[in-house]
């Protein structure tokens, strides 16, 4: 089963740059979902539901995480706290054939946001 993830950060594990693999406001995760669907996958594993330390969490998080002793956490860059859960839900709809395949983050999510950061 293919594994997709919203982004990644080694910062708290080894001091690397915060957000080594940027989330890109959901575009990084969605691009993996689309690539796997196009490759013929019929299911996905989204990593990881609760791994805040590594920057892969998709569960509800804050845009103002606590920090101490050099620990830093990725924020949601102003996105709603449940944005990545919603995006995971849209991935499920895509894999069940309920929404069309599109390289753009689904409009159902964007319509609930200030989408100015999605415009080039």
N, C-alpha and C. Protein backbone atom coordinates (compact mmCIF):
# COMPACT_ATOMS: atom_id res chain seq x y z
N UNK A 1 0.85 -1.17 0.00
CA UNK A 1 0.00 0.00 0.00
C UNK A 1 0.91 1.24 0.00
N UNK A 2 0.65 2.20 -0.88
CA UNK A 2 1.46 3.42 -0.91
C UNK A 2 1.28 4.26 0.37
N UNK A 3 2.35 4.91 0.76
CA UNK A 3 2.33 5.80 1.92
C UNK A 3 2.52 7.23 1.44
N UNK A 4 1.65 8.13 1.89
CA UNK A 4 1.77 9.55 1.58
C UNK A 4 1.87 10.31 2.90
N UNK A 5 2.40 11.52 2.85
CA UNK A 5 2.57 12.31 4.07
C UNK A 5 2.50 13.79 3.72
N UNK A 6 2.11 14.64 4.68
CA UNK A 6 1.88 16.05 4.37
C UNK A 6 3.13 16.91 4.27
N UNK A 7 4.24 16.44 4.77
CA UNK A 7 5.49 17.19 4.82
C UNK A 7 6.36 16.54 5.87
N UNK A 8 7.51 17.15 6.17
CA UNK A 8 8.42 16.50 7.13
C UNK A 8 9.40 17.52 7.68
N UNK A 9 9.85 17.27 8.90
CA UNK A 9 10.87 18.10 9.51
C UNK A 9 11.77 17.26 10.41
N UNK A 10 13.06 17.33 10.17
CA UNK A 10 14.05 16.68 11.04
C UNK A 10 14.50 17.59 12.17
N UNK A 11 13.99 18.79 12.25
CA UNK A 11 14.52 19.79 13.19
C UNK A 11 14.64 19.28 14.63
N UNK A 12 13.59 18.71 15.17
CA UNK A 12 13.62 18.28 16.57
C UNK A 12 14.38 16.97 16.77
N UNK A 13 14.66 16.25 15.71
CA UNK A 13 15.38 14.99 15.83
C UNK A 13 16.89 15.16 15.69
N UNK A 14 17.31 16.05 14.78
CA UNK A 14 18.75 16.21 14.60
C UNK A 14 19.18 17.64 14.30
N UNK A 15 18.29 18.61 14.52
CA UNK A 15 18.66 20.01 14.34
C UNK A 15 18.63 20.51 12.91
N UNK A 16 18.15 19.71 11.99
CA UNK A 16 18.07 20.14 10.59
C UNK A 16 17.07 21.29 10.43
N UNK A 17 17.03 21.83 9.24
CA UNK A 17 16.12 22.93 8.92
C UNK A 17 14.67 22.55 9.26
N UNK A 18 13.95 23.49 9.85
CA UNK A 18 12.53 23.28 10.14
C UNK A 18 11.77 23.19 8.82
N UNK A 19 10.98 22.13 8.67
CA UNK A 19 10.21 21.96 7.44
C UNK A 19 11.07 21.54 6.27
N UNK A 20 11.92 20.55 6.46
CA UNK A 20 12.82 20.07 5.40
C UNK A 20 12.07 19.72 4.13
N UNK A 21 10.91 19.12 4.29
CA UNK A 21 10.02 18.84 3.15
C UNK A 21 8.77 19.67 3.42
N UNK A 22 8.64 20.82 2.76
CA UNK A 22 7.53 21.73 3.05
C UNK A 22 6.16 21.17 2.71
N UNK A 23 5.18 21.54 3.52
CA UNK A 23 3.80 21.09 3.33
C UNK A 23 3.11 21.78 2.15
N UNK A 24 3.53 22.99 1.85
CA UNK A 24 2.97 23.74 0.71
C UNK A 24 1.46 23.88 0.79
N UNK A 25 0.95 24.10 2.00
CA UNK A 25 -0.48 24.33 2.21
C UNK A 25 -1.35 23.21 1.63
N UNK A 26 -0.88 21.97 1.79
CA UNK A 26 -1.64 20.82 1.32
C UNK A 26 -1.29 20.35 -0.07
N UNK A 27 -0.63 21.18 -0.85
CA UNK A 27 -0.32 20.79 -2.23
C UNK A 27 0.65 19.61 -2.29
N UNK A 28 1.59 19.53 -1.34
CA UNK A 28 2.54 18.41 -1.34
C UNK A 28 1.80 17.09 -1.11
N UNK A 29 0.96 17.04 -0.10
CA UNK A 29 0.19 15.83 0.18
C UNK A 29 -0.72 15.48 -1.00
N UNK A 30 -1.43 16.47 -1.52
CA UNK A 30 -2.36 16.20 -2.61
C UNK A 30 -1.63 15.70 -3.85
N UNK A 31 -0.44 16.20 -4.13
CA UNK A 31 0.31 15.73 -5.30
C UNK A 31 0.65 14.25 -5.18
N UNK A 32 0.92 13.79 -3.96
CA UNK A 32 1.20 12.36 -3.75
C UNK A 32 -0.06 11.52 -3.93
N UNK A 33 -1.17 12.04 -3.42
CA UNK A 33 -2.45 11.34 -3.58
C UNK A 33 -2.74 11.15 -5.06
N UNK A 34 -2.62 12.21 -5.83
CA UNK A 34 -2.90 12.15 -7.27
C UNK A 34 -1.93 11.21 -7.98
N UNK A 35 -0.65 11.30 -7.67
CA UNK A 35 0.35 10.44 -8.32
C UNK A 35 0.05 8.97 -8.06
N UNK A 36 -0.34 8.64 -6.84
CA UNK A 36 -0.65 7.24 -6.52
C UNK A 36 -1.93 6.77 -7.19
N UNK A 37 -2.91 7.63 -7.27
CA UNK A 37 -4.16 7.27 -7.97
C UNK A 37 -3.87 7.03 -9.45
N UNK A 38 -3.09 7.92 -10.06
CA UNK A 38 -2.74 7.76 -11.48
C UNK A 38 -1.92 6.49 -11.71
N UNK A 39 -1.14 6.08 -10.71
CA UNK A 39 -0.31 4.88 -10.83
C UNK A 39 -1.12 3.60 -10.63
N UNK A 40 -2.41 3.74 -10.28
CA UNK A 40 -3.27 2.59 -10.17
C UNK A 40 -3.55 2.13 -8.74
N UNK A 41 -3.09 2.84 -7.74
CA UNK A 41 -3.37 2.46 -6.36
C UNK A 41 -4.86 2.54 -6.10
N UNK A 42 -5.37 1.63 -5.25
CA UNK A 42 -6.78 1.70 -4.89
C UNK A 42 -6.97 1.99 -3.40
N UNK A 43 -5.84 2.24 -2.71
CA UNK A 43 -5.90 2.66 -1.30
C UNK A 43 -4.57 3.32 -0.95
N UNK A 44 -4.58 4.06 0.17
CA UNK A 44 -3.38 4.77 0.64
C UNK A 44 -3.26 4.62 2.15
N UNK A 45 -2.06 4.81 2.63
CA UNK A 45 -1.81 4.99 4.06
C UNK A 45 -1.28 6.40 4.22
N UNK A 46 -1.95 7.22 5.03
CA UNK A 46 -1.48 8.58 5.26
C UNK A 46 -0.68 8.59 6.56
N UNK A 47 0.59 8.93 6.45
CA UNK A 47 1.48 8.98 7.62
C UNK A 47 1.69 10.44 8.02
N UNK A 48 1.72 10.73 9.22
CA UNK A 48 1.25 10.00 10.38
C UNK A 48 0.17 10.84 11.03
N UNK A 49 -0.79 10.23 11.60
CA UNK A 49 -1.91 10.95 12.19
C UNK A 49 -1.47 11.93 13.27
N UNK A 50 -0.54 11.53 14.13
CA UNK A 50 -0.23 12.33 15.31
C UNK A 50 1.25 12.67 15.49
N UNK A 51 2.07 12.58 14.48
CA UNK A 51 3.51 12.79 14.65
C UNK A 51 3.87 14.27 14.47
N UNK A 52 3.57 15.06 15.49
CA UNK A 52 3.84 16.50 15.47
C UNK A 52 5.34 16.77 15.44
N UNK A 53 6.10 15.99 16.18
CA UNK A 53 7.54 16.21 16.30
C UNK A 53 8.24 16.16 14.95
N UNK A 54 7.80 15.28 14.07
CA UNK A 54 8.42 15.14 12.75
C UNK A 54 7.70 15.96 11.68
N UNK A 55 6.64 16.64 12.05
CA UNK A 55 5.95 17.49 11.09
C UNK A 55 5.07 16.75 10.12
N UNK A 56 4.67 15.52 10.45
CA UNK A 56 3.82 14.76 9.55
C UNK A 56 2.38 14.63 10.05
N UNK A 57 2.05 15.26 11.17
CA UNK A 57 0.72 15.11 11.77
C UNK A 57 -0.37 15.67 10.85
N UNK A 58 -1.49 14.93 10.79
CA UNK A 58 -2.65 15.45 10.07
C UNK A 58 -3.79 15.76 11.02
N UNK A 59 -3.68 15.40 12.31
CA UNK A 59 -4.77 15.69 13.24
C UNK A 59 -4.81 17.17 13.57
N UNK A 60 -5.89 17.60 14.21
CA UNK A 60 -6.08 19.02 14.51
C UNK A 60 -4.91 19.55 15.35
N UNK A 61 -4.29 20.62 14.86
CA UNK A 61 -3.15 21.24 15.53
C UNK A 61 -3.38 22.75 15.61
N UNK A 62 -2.54 23.38 16.36
CA UNK A 62 -2.63 24.83 16.52
C UNK A 62 -1.64 25.55 15.61
N UNK A 63 -1.93 26.78 15.30
CA UNK A 63 -0.99 27.61 14.57
C UNK A 63 0.00 28.28 15.51
N UNK A 64 -0.15 28.04 16.82
CA UNK A 64 0.76 28.61 17.83
C UNK A 64 1.25 27.51 18.77
N UNK A 65 2.07 26.56 18.26
CA UNK A 65 2.52 25.47 19.11
C UNK A 65 3.51 25.96 20.16
N UNK A 66 3.55 25.29 21.31
CA UNK A 66 4.52 25.66 22.34
C UNK A 66 5.93 25.29 21.90
N UNK A 67 6.90 26.03 22.37
CA UNK A 67 8.30 25.72 22.08
C UNK A 67 9.10 25.84 23.38
N UNK A 68 10.17 25.08 23.46
CA UNK A 68 11.08 25.17 24.60
C UNK A 68 12.39 24.50 24.26
N UNK A 69 13.46 24.99 24.86
CA UNK A 69 14.79 24.39 24.71
C UNK A 69 15.16 24.08 23.26
N UNK A 70 14.82 24.97 22.35
CA UNK A 70 15.18 24.78 20.94
C UNK A 70 14.21 23.97 20.13
N UNK A 71 13.21 23.36 20.77
CA UNK A 71 12.20 22.61 20.02
C UNK A 71 11.32 23.58 19.27
N UNK A 72 11.07 23.29 18.02
CA UNK A 72 10.17 24.08 17.20
C UNK A 72 9.30 23.12 16.42
N UNK A 73 8.08 23.55 16.18
CA UNK A 73 7.15 22.71 15.45
C UNK A 73 6.58 23.47 14.27
N UNK A 74 6.30 22.75 13.20
CA UNK A 74 5.66 23.36 12.05
C UNK A 74 4.28 23.87 12.46
N UNK A 75 3.88 24.96 11.89
CA UNK A 75 2.52 25.45 12.11
C UNK A 75 1.68 25.07 10.89
N UNK A 76 0.44 25.45 10.92
CA UNK A 76 -0.45 25.20 9.79
C UNK A 76 -0.46 26.38 8.83
N UNK A 77 0.45 27.32 9.04
CA UNK A 77 0.56 28.50 8.17
C UNK A 77 -0.77 29.21 8.00
N UNK A 78 -1.54 29.26 9.08
CA UNK A 78 -2.81 29.98 9.05
C UNK A 78 -4.00 29.16 8.57
N UNK A 79 -3.77 27.93 8.16
CA UNK A 79 -4.87 27.07 7.72
C UNK A 79 -5.71 26.66 8.93
N UNK A 80 -6.97 26.27 8.72
CA UNK A 80 -7.80 25.80 9.83
C UNK A 80 -7.17 24.57 10.49
N UNK A 81 -7.44 24.37 11.76
CA UNK A 81 -6.80 23.30 12.52
C UNK A 81 -7.12 21.91 11.96
N UNK A 82 -8.23 21.75 11.26
CA UNK A 82 -8.59 20.45 10.72
C UNK A 82 -8.35 20.33 9.21
N UNK A 83 -7.56 21.22 8.65
CA UNK A 83 -7.35 21.25 7.21
C UNK A 83 -6.86 19.91 6.66
N UNK A 84 -5.85 19.32 7.29
CA UNK A 84 -5.29 18.08 6.76
C UNK A 84 -6.23 16.89 6.94
N UNK A 85 -7.07 16.93 7.97
CA UNK A 85 -8.10 15.90 8.09
C UNK A 85 -9.11 16.02 6.95
N UNK A 86 -9.49 17.24 6.63
CA UNK A 86 -10.40 17.47 5.51
C UNK A 86 -9.79 16.99 4.20
N UNK A 87 -8.50 17.30 4.03
CA UNK A 87 -7.82 16.89 2.80
C UNK A 87 -7.75 15.37 2.72
N UNK A 88 -7.53 14.70 3.84
CA UNK A 88 -7.55 13.23 3.87
C UNK A 88 -8.93 12.71 3.48
N UNK A 89 -9.97 13.38 3.94
CA UNK A 89 -11.33 13.00 3.56
C UNK A 89 -11.56 13.13 2.07
N UNK A 90 -11.02 14.18 1.47
CA UNK A 90 -11.15 14.36 0.02
C UNK A 90 -10.37 13.28 -0.72
N UNK A 91 -9.23 12.86 -0.17
CA UNK A 91 -8.48 11.76 -0.79
C UNK A 91 -9.33 10.49 -0.79
N UNK A 92 -10.02 10.24 0.31
CA UNK A 92 -10.92 9.08 0.36
C UNK A 92 -11.99 9.16 -0.70
N UNK A 93 -12.57 10.35 -0.86
CA UNK A 93 -13.60 10.53 -1.90
C UNK A 93 -13.03 10.26 -3.29
N UNK A 94 -11.81 10.74 -3.53
CA UNK A 94 -11.17 10.51 -4.82
C UNK A 94 -10.99 9.01 -5.07
N UNK A 95 -10.51 8.30 -4.08
CA UNK A 95 -10.25 6.87 -4.25
C UNK A 95 -11.54 6.04 -4.36
N UNK A 96 -12.64 6.58 -3.84
CA UNK A 96 -13.93 5.90 -3.99
C UNK A 96 -14.66 6.33 -5.26
N UNK A 97 -14.07 7.24 -6.03
CA UNK A 97 -14.68 7.70 -7.27
C UNK A 97 -15.79 8.72 -7.07
N UNK A 98 -15.82 9.37 -5.91
CA UNK A 98 -16.88 10.34 -5.62
C UNK A 98 -16.56 11.75 -6.11
N UNK A 99 -15.28 12.02 -6.38
CA UNK A 99 -14.88 13.31 -6.95
C UNK A 99 -13.91 13.01 -8.10
N UNK A 100 -13.83 13.92 -9.08
CA UNK A 100 -12.94 13.67 -10.22
C UNK A 100 -11.47 13.87 -9.86
N UNK A 101 -10.62 13.21 -10.60
CA UNK A 101 -9.18 13.36 -10.44
C UNK A 101 -8.77 14.75 -10.91
N UNK A 102 -8.09 15.47 -10.04
CA UNK A 102 -7.62 16.81 -10.38
C UNK A 102 -6.33 17.08 -9.61
N UNK A 103 -5.38 17.70 -10.27
CA UNK A 103 -4.11 18.01 -9.61
C UNK A 103 -4.25 19.18 -8.64
N UNK A 104 -5.36 19.89 -8.69
CA UNK A 104 -5.62 21.00 -7.78
C UNK A 104 -6.21 20.50 -6.47
N UNK A 105 -5.83 21.12 -5.36
CA UNK A 105 -6.45 20.80 -4.08
C UNK A 105 -7.96 20.98 -4.25
N UNK A 106 -8.76 20.02 -3.79
CA UNK A 106 -10.20 20.06 -4.05
C UNK A 106 -10.89 21.36 -3.66
N UNK A 107 -11.78 21.80 -4.52
CA UNK A 107 -12.52 23.04 -4.31
C UNK A 107 -13.36 23.00 -3.05
N UNK A 108 -13.81 21.82 -2.65
CA UNK A 108 -14.63 21.70 -1.43
C UNK A 108 -13.87 22.20 -0.22
N UNK A 109 -12.57 22.02 -0.21
CA UNK A 109 -11.75 22.51 0.91
C UNK A 109 -11.45 23.98 0.72
N UNK A 110 -11.07 24.35 -0.48
CA UNK A 110 -10.68 25.73 -0.74
C UNK A 110 -11.82 26.70 -0.54
N UNK A 111 -13.05 26.26 -0.79
CA UNK A 111 -14.19 27.16 -0.63
C UNK A 111 -14.39 27.57 0.83
N UNK A 112 -13.82 26.82 1.74
CA UNK A 112 -13.95 27.12 3.16
C UNK A 112 -12.79 27.96 3.68
N UNK A 113 -11.87 28.33 2.81
CA UNK A 113 -10.66 29.05 3.21
C UNK A 113 -10.54 30.39 2.51
N UNK A 114 -9.66 31.21 3.03
CA UNK A 114 -9.17 32.37 2.29
C UNK A 114 -8.12 31.79 1.36
N UNK A 115 -8.42 31.68 0.08
CA UNK A 115 -7.55 30.95 -0.82
C UNK A 115 -6.51 31.81 -1.50
N UNK A 116 -6.23 32.98 -0.99
CA UNK A 116 -5.27 33.87 -1.63
C UNK A 116 -3.89 33.23 -1.73
N UNK A 117 -3.53 32.34 -0.80
CA UNK A 117 -2.20 31.74 -0.85
C UNK A 117 -2.12 30.65 -1.92
N UNK A 118 -3.22 30.28 -2.56
CA UNK A 118 -3.19 29.30 -3.62
C UNK A 118 -3.02 29.94 -4.99
N UNK A 119 -3.17 31.22 -5.04
CA UNK A 119 -3.09 31.92 -6.33
C UNK A 119 -1.65 32.29 -6.62
N UNK A 120 -1.24 32.08 -7.85
CA UNK A 120 0.13 32.42 -8.27
C UNK A 120 0.28 33.90 -8.50
